[in-house]
Amino acid sequence: MICSEPSELQELVRQLHRQASPWLPAGQGSRLHWGPPVLPAPGEEQPLVVSTSRLDRVIEHCVGDFTVTVQAGMPLAQLQAELSRQNQWLAIDTPWGSDATSATDGNQGSIGGLVARGLAGGLRQRYLGVRDQLIGIGVLRADGTAARAGGKVVKNVAGYDLMRLFTGSWGSLGLITELTLRTFPRPPQRRGLLLQGDLSALESLRRQALAAGLLPQRLDWWSPALADGQPALLLSLVSVSAEAIVDQLTQHCQAAERAGLRAERLDPEQLQALESAGRGNAGSPGPEGQWLLQLGVLPARGAELLADPALRGLRLSLAAGAGQGIAWAAAQEVPNHRVEQLRRRCEALGGFLTVLQQPDNSGLPAWGDSPSRPLIEAIKREFDPLQQLARGRLPGVNPQPGTRV
């Protein structure tokens, strides 16, 4: 991994372009094994990785405007700690396998890496996804040309919308160097509820919670494997008023009692502990030999997914209002054919399945071909005409042609 100084980074990228050398953009490098394998240069065993880990400063924090501009290599944990000094935060889930409570957890990765993967968790319920938090971006194109889009205020429409294009691009279009994001005030009051029992009753309460006067901050489906044998809903509420939260929780508890569901009220510490459990084994992005899946379905079909036998043995946390989540299991707990079955089921329910990690020699494609594959490949040619960046890792293009998805 090359960790270039900021002043030398642009010249390094230009040199790689002149040599037509393939390389992989990266942040902290904590999750390079997620997704399809990146092809190295001919004669090399590993791809050349160019890291932004030394681009790790806050450039500007406009406290009154609720925006922050940072270099892309800044660790997410460090950025959240900086914002907390002004009682603000980024309303973005920490990646699976990391500890949201630690200001020094390197496993959270960099803010640039988070944007490049584009994965959103349960906080999307209230705050939308990662790309919706972006209002400005700076990148280095494959030839070393610096480009910028957006600005430093929320209502800014200047330039091309590179923010949405680069969010979820997995390093295939360029190297993200700088980001401007919106921030939010830290909620002063926060409480939660864990609901377990009959799946149809939980689905009814899910609809009720999404239509309630106090919108959930988080409403996550938990599979039986994650919730001690029974499906569950994890609900969190935030407000400036403790009374408003108590009143809303009381209504949900009464509805749960009428439906025969078990309801457990959660104080902030208990809620935080369960949210951590929904991110896997905090402190490690996970051994490379286990299953780690990103999946989604239409939000109204989430209960059907939880009832499907293909999910057996998989721990799943799925945002109930957005229909996207993460599932994981040890290699020996889930055979290959069941992951293929689950992929087909997700597609039948209006969604998708992406394999982030898989056991050695499983050979499943990380993602299938998008209906927009010709457009995706055309954009790739425009941004990376020499096909240098993240070879073999282009979202929406099956890296294993001919493999049945």
Protein backbone atom coordinates (compact mmCIF):
# COMPACT_ATOMS: atom_id res chain seq x y z
CA MET A 1 0.00 0.00 0.00
CA ILE A 2 1.33 3.44 -0.97
CA CYS A 3 0.49 6.12 1.58
CA SER A 4 1.57 9.20 -0.33
CA GLU A 5 1.96 12.66 1.17
CA PRO A 6 -0.85 15.02 0.11
CA SER A 7 1.54 17.19 -1.90
CA GLU A 8 2.79 14.16 -3.85
CA LEU A 9 -0.47 12.32 -4.43
CA GLN A 10 -1.51 14.02 -7.66
CA GLU A 11 1.90 13.46 -9.28
CA LEU A 12 1.81 9.80 -8.21
CA VAL A 13 -1.55 9.31 -9.95
CA ARG A 14 -0.24 11.06 -13.08
CA GLN A 15 2.79 8.79 -13.12
CA LEU A 16 0.64 5.67 -12.82
CA HIS A 17 -1.46 6.93 -15.72
CA ARG A 18 1.59 7.51 -17.92
CA GLN A 19 2.67 3.94 -17.18
CA ALA A 20 -0.89 2.60 -17.66
CA SER A 21 -0.43 0.81 -14.32
CA PRO A 22 -3.55 -0.65 -12.66
CA TRP A 23 -4.20 0.46 -9.10
CA LEU A 24 -6.86 0.45 -6.39
CA PRO A 25 -7.98 3.67 -4.62
CA ALA A 26 -8.28 3.20 -0.85
CA GLY A 27 -8.73 5.03 2.43
CA GLN A 28 -7.52 3.30 5.59
CA GLY A 29 -7.51 -0.07 3.79
CA SER A 30 -9.63 -1.78 6.46
CA ARG A 31 -12.10 -3.37 4.02
CA LEU A 32 -10.18 -3.95 0.80
CA HIS A 33 -11.31 -7.60 0.88
CA TRP A 34 -14.98 -6.65 0.56
CA GLY A 35 -16.58 -7.12 -2.84
CA PRO A 36 -15.11 -8.77 -5.94
CA PRO A 37 -11.35 -9.39 -5.94
CA VAL A 38 -9.34 -6.68 -7.69
CA LEU A 39 -7.07 -7.94 -10.45
CA PRO A 40 -3.37 -7.12 -10.07
CA ALA A 41 -1.04 -6.02 -12.87
CA PRO A 42 0.34 -8.83 -15.04
CA GLY A 43 3.14 -10.57 -13.17
CA GLU A 44 2.10 -9.17 -9.80
CA GLU A 45 0.47 -11.12 -6.96
CA GLN A 46 -1.42 -8.21 -5.36
CA PRO A 47 -2.98 -5.05 -6.80
CA LEU A 48 -1.19 -1.76 -6.17
CA VAL A 49 -3.14 0.15 -3.50
CA VAL A 50 -2.97 3.96 -3.28
CA SER A 51 -4.16 5.15 0.13
CA THR A 52 -5.45 8.57 1.24
CA SER A 53 -4.64 7.79 4.88
CA ARG A 54 -2.41 10.89 5.13
CA LEU A 55 -5.21 13.15 3.95
CA ASP A 56 -6.68 13.23 7.43
CA ARG A 57 -7.59 16.82 8.33
CA VAL A 58 -10.78 18.75 8.92
CA ILE A 59 -10.59 21.58 6.41
CA GLU A 60 -13.56 23.61 7.62
CA HIS A 61 -16.42 23.07 10.07
CA CYS A 62 -19.19 25.62 9.59
CA VAL A 63 -20.98 25.01 12.87
CA GLY A 64 -23.84 27.43 12.20
CA ASP A 65 -24.45 26.05 8.70
CA PHE A 66 -24.22 22.42 9.87
CA THR A 67 -21.63 21.45 7.27
CA VAL A 68 -18.11 20.07 7.51
CA THR A 69 -15.40 19.78 4.85
CA VAL A 70 -12.79 17.08 5.42
CA GLN A 71 -10.03 15.28 3.60
CA ALA A 72 -11.18 11.85 2.49
CA GLY A 73 -8.63 9.85 4.47
CA MET A 74 -9.82 11.13 7.84
CA PRO A 75 -10.96 8.25 10.07
CA LEU A 76 -14.70 8.29 10.62
CA ALA A 77 -14.27 7.78 14.37
CA GLN A 78 -11.96 10.79 14.62
CA LEU A 79 -14.33 12.97 12.60
CA GLN A 80 -17.28 12.06 14.83
CA ALA A 81 -15.18 12.92 17.89
CA GLU A 82 -14.29 16.32 16.39
CA LEU A 83 -17.94 17.09 15.62
CA SER A 84 -19.10 16.02 19.07
CA ARG A 85 -17.12 18.89 20.59
CA GLN A 86 -19.69 21.17 18.94
CA ASN A 87 -22.57 18.85 19.90
CA GLN A 88 -22.96 17.69 16.28
CA TRP A 89 -22.53 14.41 14.40
CA LEU A 90 -22.72 12.73 11.02
CA ALA A 91 -25.99 10.80 10.81
CA ILE A 92 -24.25 7.84 9.16
CA ASP A 93 -24.03 4.27 10.43
CA THR A 94 -20.57 3.01 11.22
CA PRO A 95 -19.59 0.10 8.95
CA TRP A 96 -20.32 -3.48 9.92
CA GLY A 97 -17.73 -4.84 12.35
CA SER A 98 -16.87 -1.53 14.03
CA ASP A 99 -17.56 0.16 17.34
CA ALA A 100 -19.56 3.38 17.07
CA THR A 101 -18.74 4.36 20.65
CA SER A 102 -14.95 4.48 20.19
CA ALA A 103 -13.19 7.64 19.00
CA THR A 104 -10.08 5.59 18.19
CA ASP A 105 -11.57 2.56 16.42
CA GLY A 106 -9.54 2.28 13.23
CA ASN A 107 -11.90 -0.42 11.99
CA GLN A 108 -14.49 2.25 11.22
CA GLY A 109 -12.30 3.17 8.24
CA SER A 110 -12.11 6.54 6.54
CA ILE A 111 -14.94 8.85 5.55
CA GLY A 112 -13.84 8.54 1.90
CA GLY A 113 -13.99 4.76 2.05
CA LEU A 114 -17.46 4.92 3.57
CA VAL A 115 -18.69 7.08 0.69
CA ALA A 116 -16.96 4.91 -1.93
CA ARG A 117 -18.80 1.82 -0.67
CA GLY A 118 -22.07 3.73 -0.28
CA LEU A 119 -23.56 1.33 2.27
CA ALA A 120 -26.33 2.67 4.51
CA GLY A 121 -27.77 1.13 7.67
CA GLY A 122 -30.72 1.70 9.95
CA LEU A 123 -30.12 5.44 10.34
CA ARG A 124 -31.26 5.77 6.74
CA GLN A 125 -34.78 5.51 8.17
CA ARG A 126 -34.65 9.11 9.40
CA TYR A 127 -31.62 10.70 7.73
CA LEU A 128 -31.55 9.01 4.29
CA GLY A 129 -28.42 7.44 2.85
CA VAL A 130 -24.75 8.37 2.58
CA ARG A 131 -25.12 10.09 -0.76
CA ASP A 132 -27.89 12.28 0.68
CA GLN A 133 -25.43 13.63 3.27
CA LEU A 134 -22.95 14.78 0.60
CA ILE A 135 -23.05 18.34 -0.69
CA GLY A 136 -19.55 18.64 -2.16
CA ILE A 137 -16.75 16.39 -3.40
CA GLY A 138 -13.19 16.59 -4.67
CA VAL A 139 -11.63 13.75 -6.67
CA LEU A 140 -8.55 12.83 -8.68
CA ARG A 141 -9.43 11.25 -11.99
CA ALA A 142 -7.44 8.32 -13.35
CA ASP A 143 -5.10 10.68 -15.25
CA GLY A 144 -4.44 12.80 -12.16
CA THR A 145 -6.80 15.63 -13.11
CA ALA A 146 -8.37 17.22 -10.03
CA ALA A 147 -12.14 17.75 -10.24
CA ARG A 148 -14.71 19.22 -7.89
CA ALA A 149 -18.49 19.34 -7.74
CA GLY A 150 -21.09 20.73 -5.36
CA GLY A 151 -20.18 23.29 -2.75
CA LYS A 152 -20.14 24.07 0.95
CA VAL A 153 -23.79 24.89 1.57
CA VAL A 154 -26.75 22.54 1.65
CA LYS A 155 -28.73 24.30 -1.09
CA ASN A 156 -26.06 24.15 -3.78
CA VAL A 157 -26.61 22.78 -7.28
CA ALA A 158 -23.40 23.95 -8.96
CA GLY A 159 -21.57 21.55 -11.29
CA TYR A 160 -22.22 17.94 -12.20
CA ASP A 161 -23.62 15.62 -9.56
CA LEU A 162 -20.38 13.72 -8.97
CA MET A 163 -21.51 13.07 -5.38
CA ARG A 164 -24.13 10.52 -6.40
CA LEU A 165 -21.92 9.07 -9.14
CA PHE A 166 -18.97 8.42 -6.81
CA THR A 167 -21.07 7.20 -3.87
CA GLY A 168 -21.00 3.42 -4.16
CA SER A 169 -18.48 3.45 -7.03
CA TRP A 170 -16.04 1.21 -5.09
CA GLY A 171 -12.98 3.09 -6.37
CA SER A 172 -13.79 2.33 -10.00
CA LEU A 173 -14.08 5.94 -11.23
CA GLY A 174 -11.43 7.90 -9.34
CA LEU A 175 -9.83 8.67 -6.01
CA ILE A 176 -11.97 10.67 -3.58
CA THR A 177 -9.79 13.32 -1.90
CA GLU A 178 -12.19 15.73 -0.18
CA LEU A 179 -15.79 15.72 1.01
CA THR A 180 -18.30 18.25 2.30
CA LEU A 181 -21.12 16.73 4.33
CA ARG A 182 -24.09 17.96 6.28
CA THR A 183 -24.06 17.54 10.03
CA PHE A 184 -26.88 17.29 12.57
CA PRO A 185 -27.34 18.36 16.19
CA ARG A 186 -26.87 15.50 18.63
CA PRO A 187 -30.32 14.46 19.86
CA PRO A 188 -30.64 15.27 23.57
CA GLN A 189 -33.13 12.49 24.35
CA ARG A 190 -32.97 8.93 23.06
CA ARG A 191 -34.80 5.74 24.03
CA GLY A 192 -35.63 2.43 22.38
CA LEU A 193 -37.84 -0.62 22.24
CA LEU A 194 -37.19 -4.25 21.35
CA LEU A 195 -40.25 -6.09 20.06
CA GLN A 196 -40.38 -9.87 19.55
CA GLY A 197 -43.03 -12.40 18.62
CA ASP A 198 -45.27 -13.32 15.72
CA LEU A 199 -44.01 -12.02 12.38
CA SER A 200 -47.39 -10.83 11.10
CA ALA A 201 -47.99 -8.91 14.33
CA LEU A 202 -44.53 -7.32 14.04
CA GLU A 203 -45.31 -6.28 10.46
CA SER A 204 -48.50 -4.57 11.65
CA LEU A 205 -46.54 -2.69 14.33
CA ARG A 206 -43.86 -1.77 11.77
CA ARG A 207 -46.48 0.00 9.66
CA GLN A 208 -47.87 1.71 12.75
CA ALA A 209 -44.42 2.95 13.81
CA LEU A 210 -43.68 4.38 10.37
CA ALA A 211 -46.98 6.29 10.44
CA ALA A 212 -46.60 7.56 14.03
CA GLY A 213 -46.30 11.21 14.94
CA LEU A 214 -42.71 10.76 16.14
CA LEU A 215 -40.77 9.23 13.25
CA PRO A 216 -38.35 6.49 14.35
CA GLN A 217 -34.67 7.28 14.22
CA ARG A 218 -34.13 3.59 13.58
CA LEU A 219 -36.50 0.70 12.91
CA ASP A 220 -34.60 -2.50 12.13
CA TRP A 221 -35.80 -6.01 11.41
CA TRP A 222 -33.72 -8.68 13.17
CA SER A 223 -33.73 -12.26 11.93
CA PRO A 224 -34.33 -15.10 14.42
CA ALA A 225 -30.62 -16.01 14.31
CA LEU A 226 -29.74 -12.53 15.57
CA ALA A 227 -32.65 -12.22 18.03
CA ASP A 228 -32.33 -15.45 20.05
CA GLY A 229 -34.68 -17.55 17.96
CA GLN A 230 -37.55 -15.12 17.31
CA PRO A 231 -37.86 -12.34 14.71
CA ALA A 232 -37.67 -8.88 16.23
CA LEU A 233 -37.95 -5.16 15.58
CA LEU A 234 -35.44 -2.77 17.13
CA LEU A 235 -36.89 0.73 17.45
CA SER A 236 -35.14 3.92 18.53
CA LEU A 237 -36.73 7.33 19.05
CA VAL A 238 -35.05 10.72 19.48
CA SER A 239 -36.48 14.09 20.47
CA VAL A 240 -35.78 17.24 22.43
CA SER A 241 -38.63 16.17 24.70
CA ALA A 242 -38.34 13.14 26.97
CA GLU A 243 -42.11 13.27 27.47
CA ALA A 244 -42.75 12.94 23.74
CA ILE A 245 -40.58 9.82 23.58
CA VAL A 246 -42.24 8.25 26.64
CA ASP A 247 -45.70 8.95 25.22
CA GLN A 248 -44.80 7.38 21.86
CA LEU A 249 -43.18 4.35 23.48
CA THR A 250 -46.26 3.84 25.66
CA GLN A 251 -48.47 3.78 22.56
CA HIS A 252 -46.21 1.23 20.89
CA CYS A 253 -46.11 -0.93 24.03
CA GLN A 254 -49.90 -0.90 24.30
CA ALA A 255 -50.20 -1.92 20.65
CA ALA A 256 -47.62 -4.68 21.20
CA GLU A 257 -49.54 -6.00 24.22
CA ARG A 258 -52.78 -6.15 22.24
CA ALA A 259 -50.97 -8.08 19.48
CA GLY A 260 -49.36 -10.53 21.92
CA LEU A 261 -45.81 -9.26 21.32
CA ARG A 262 -43.09 -9.00 23.94
CA ALA A 263 -41.91 -5.41 24.36
CA GLU A 264 -38.75 -4.42 26.23
CA ARG A 265 -38.05 -0.74 26.86
CA LEU A 266 -34.42 0.28 26.37
CA ASP A 267 -32.49 3.08 28.02
CA PRO A 268 -29.72 4.76 25.93
CA GLU A 269 -27.03 2.31 27.09
CA GLN A 270 -29.13 -0.77 26.38
CA LEU A 271 -30.15 0.61 23.00
CA GLN A 272 -26.54 1.31 22.08
CA ALA A 273 -25.51 -2.21 23.06
CA LEU A 274 -28.17 -3.76 20.82
CA GLU A 275 -27.26 -1.46 17.93
CA SER A 276 -23.69 -2.68 18.31
CA ALA A 277 -24.90 -6.29 18.13
CA GLY A 278 -26.64 -5.39 14.89
CA ARG A 279 -23.26 -4.38 13.44
CA GLY A 280 -21.68 -7.78 14.01
CA ASN A 281 -18.56 -8.36 16.08
CA ALA A 282 -17.48 -4.84 16.95
CA GLY A 283 -13.74 -4.33 16.77
CA SER A 284 -13.10 -6.27 13.54
CA PRO A 285 -14.41 -6.03 9.98
CA GLY A 286 -14.73 -9.82 10.13
CA PRO A 287 -12.58 -12.73 9.06
CA GLU A 288 -12.30 -12.99 5.30
CA GLY A 289 -13.60 -16.58 5.28
CA GLN A 290 -17.10 -15.87 6.57
CA TRP A 291 -20.28 -14.82 4.79
CA LEU A 292 -21.09 -11.12 4.74
CA LEU A 293 -23.97 -10.03 2.53
CA GLN A 294 -25.53 -6.69 1.70
CA LEU A 295 -29.13 -7.17 0.67
CA GLY A 296 -32.31 -5.31 0.04
CA VAL A 297 -35.98 -5.84 -0.72
CA LEU A 298 -38.97 -3.58 -1.13
CA PRO A 299 -39.68 -2.25 2.40
CA ALA A 300 -43.19 -3.72 2.43
CA ARG A 301 -41.72 -7.19 1.68
CA GLY A 302 -39.29 -7.31 4.60
CA ALA A 303 -41.44 -9.65 6.69
CA GLU A 304 -41.62 -12.08 3.77
CA LEU A 305 -37.82 -12.14 3.62
CA LEU A 306 -37.55 -12.90 7.33
CA ALA A 307 -39.96 -15.82 6.92
CA ASP A 308 -38.00 -17.35 4.04
CA PRO A 309 -36.12 -20.62 4.81
CA ALA A 310 -33.12 -19.37 2.81
CA LEU A 311 -32.37 -16.96 5.67
CA ARG A 312 -31.94 -19.77 8.19
CA GLY A 313 -28.69 -19.42 10.13
CA LEU A 314 -27.96 -15.91 8.86
CA ARG A 315 -27.89 -13.00 11.30
CA LEU A 316 -29.69 -10.14 9.59
CA SER A 317 -30.24 -6.50 10.49
CA LEU A 318 -32.52 -4.88 7.92
CA ALA A 319 -33.74 -1.27 7.94
CA ALA A 320 -37.50 -1.84 8.03
CA GLY A 321 -38.39 1.46 6.37
CA ALA A 322 -35.71 1.33 3.66
CA GLY A 323 -35.49 -2.40 3.03
CA GLN A 324 -31.67 -2.60 3.07
CA GLY A 325 -29.38 -4.34 5.51
CA ILE A 326 -26.48 -6.66 6.28
CA ALA A 327 -26.51 -10.42 6.90
CA TRP A 328 -23.62 -12.56 8.12
CA ALA A 329 -22.77 -16.11 9.17
CA ALA A 330 -19.79 -18.40 9.67
CA ALA A 331 -18.76 -20.36 6.59
CA GLN A 332 -19.91 -23.71 7.97
CA GLU A 333 -23.36 -22.37 8.92
CA VAL A 334 -24.58 -21.55 5.40
CA PRO A 335 -23.82 -23.51 2.19
CA ASN A 336 -23.25 -21.79 -1.15
CA HIS A 337 -26.52 -22.92 -2.67
CA ARG A 338 -28.51 -21.22 0.10
CA VAL A 339 -26.85 -17.87 -0.64
CA GLU A 340 -27.77 -18.32 -4.30
CA GLN A 341 -31.32 -19.17 -3.21
CA LEU A 342 -31.43 -16.06 -1.01
CA ARG A 343 -30.22 -13.91 -3.89
CA ARG A 344 -33.02 -15.14 -6.10
CA ARG A 345 -35.52 -14.55 -3.29
CA CYS A 346 -34.33 -10.97 -2.75
CA GLU A 347 -34.68 -10.28 -6.47
CA ALA A 348 -38.20 -11.75 -6.44
CA LEU A 349 -39.03 -9.36 -3.59
CA GLY A 350 -37.92 -6.37 -5.67
CA GLY A 351 -34.37 -6.15 -4.32
CA PHE A 352 -30.82 -7.43 -4.65
CA LEU A 353 -28.03 -9.27 -2.88
CA THR A 354 -24.34 -8.33 -2.89
CA VAL A 355 -21.69 -10.69 -1.56
CA LEU A 356 -19.22 -8.59 0.41
CA GLN A 357 -17.28 -11.56 1.86
CA GLN A 358 -17.47 -15.28 1.21
CA PRO A 359 -15.63 -18.44 2.19
CA ASP A 360 -12.57 -19.37 0.14
CA ASN A 361 -13.34 -21.12 -3.15
CA SER A 362 -17.05 -20.30 -2.99
CA GLY A 363 -16.85 -18.56 -6.33
CA LEU A 364 -20.11 -16.60 -6.15
CA PRO A 365 -20.25 -13.33 -8.09
CA ALA A 366 -20.36 -10.34 -5.74
CA TRP A 367 -23.11 -8.74 -7.77
CA GLY A 368 -24.98 -9.42 -10.96
CA ASP A 369 -25.38 -7.45 -14.16
CA SER A 370 -27.51 -4.34 -13.84
CA PRO A 371 -30.03 -3.54 -16.58
CA SER A 372 -27.96 -0.34 -16.93
CA ARG A 373 -24.73 -2.23 -17.61
CA PRO A 374 -24.07 -0.54 -21.00
CA LEU A 375 -24.43 2.91 -19.41
CA ILE A 376 -22.24 1.93 -16.43
CA GLU A 377 -19.50 0.70 -18.77
CA ALA A 378 -19.75 3.88 -20.87
CA ILE A 379 -19.27 6.02 -17.76
CA LYS A 380 -16.33 3.85 -16.75
CA ARG A 381 -14.67 4.44 -20.15
CA GLU A 382 -15.11 8.19 -19.80
CA PHE A 383 -13.59 8.36 -16.32
CA ASP A 384 -11.01 5.61 -16.73
CA PRO A 385 -10.20 5.09 -20.43
CA LEU A 386 -7.16 2.90 -19.70
CA GLN A 387 -9.18 0.70 -17.32
CA GLN A 388 -6.64 1.22 -14.52
CA LEU A 389 -8.85 1.62 -11.49
CA ALA A 390 -10.10 -1.31 -9.41
CA ARG A 391 -9.91 -3.81 -12.27
CA GLY A 392 -12.61 -6.45 -11.86
CA ARG A 393 -14.64 -4.33 -9.43
CA LEU A 394 -17.30 -2.30 -11.24
CA PRO A 395 -20.69 -2.14 -9.49
CA GLY A 396 -23.50 -3.35 -11.71
CA VAL A 397 -21.20 -5.41 -13.93
CA ASN A 398 -20.84 -9.11 -13.18
CA PRO A 399 -17.11 -9.69 -12.68
CA GLN A 400 -17.57 -13.32 -13.69
CA PRO A 401 -19.27 -13.36 -17.10
CA GLY A 402 -21.27 -16.50 -17.72
CA THR A 403 -21.88 -17.17 -14.02
CA ARG A 404 -25.54 -17.62 -13.23
CA VAL A 405 -26.67 -14.92 -10.80
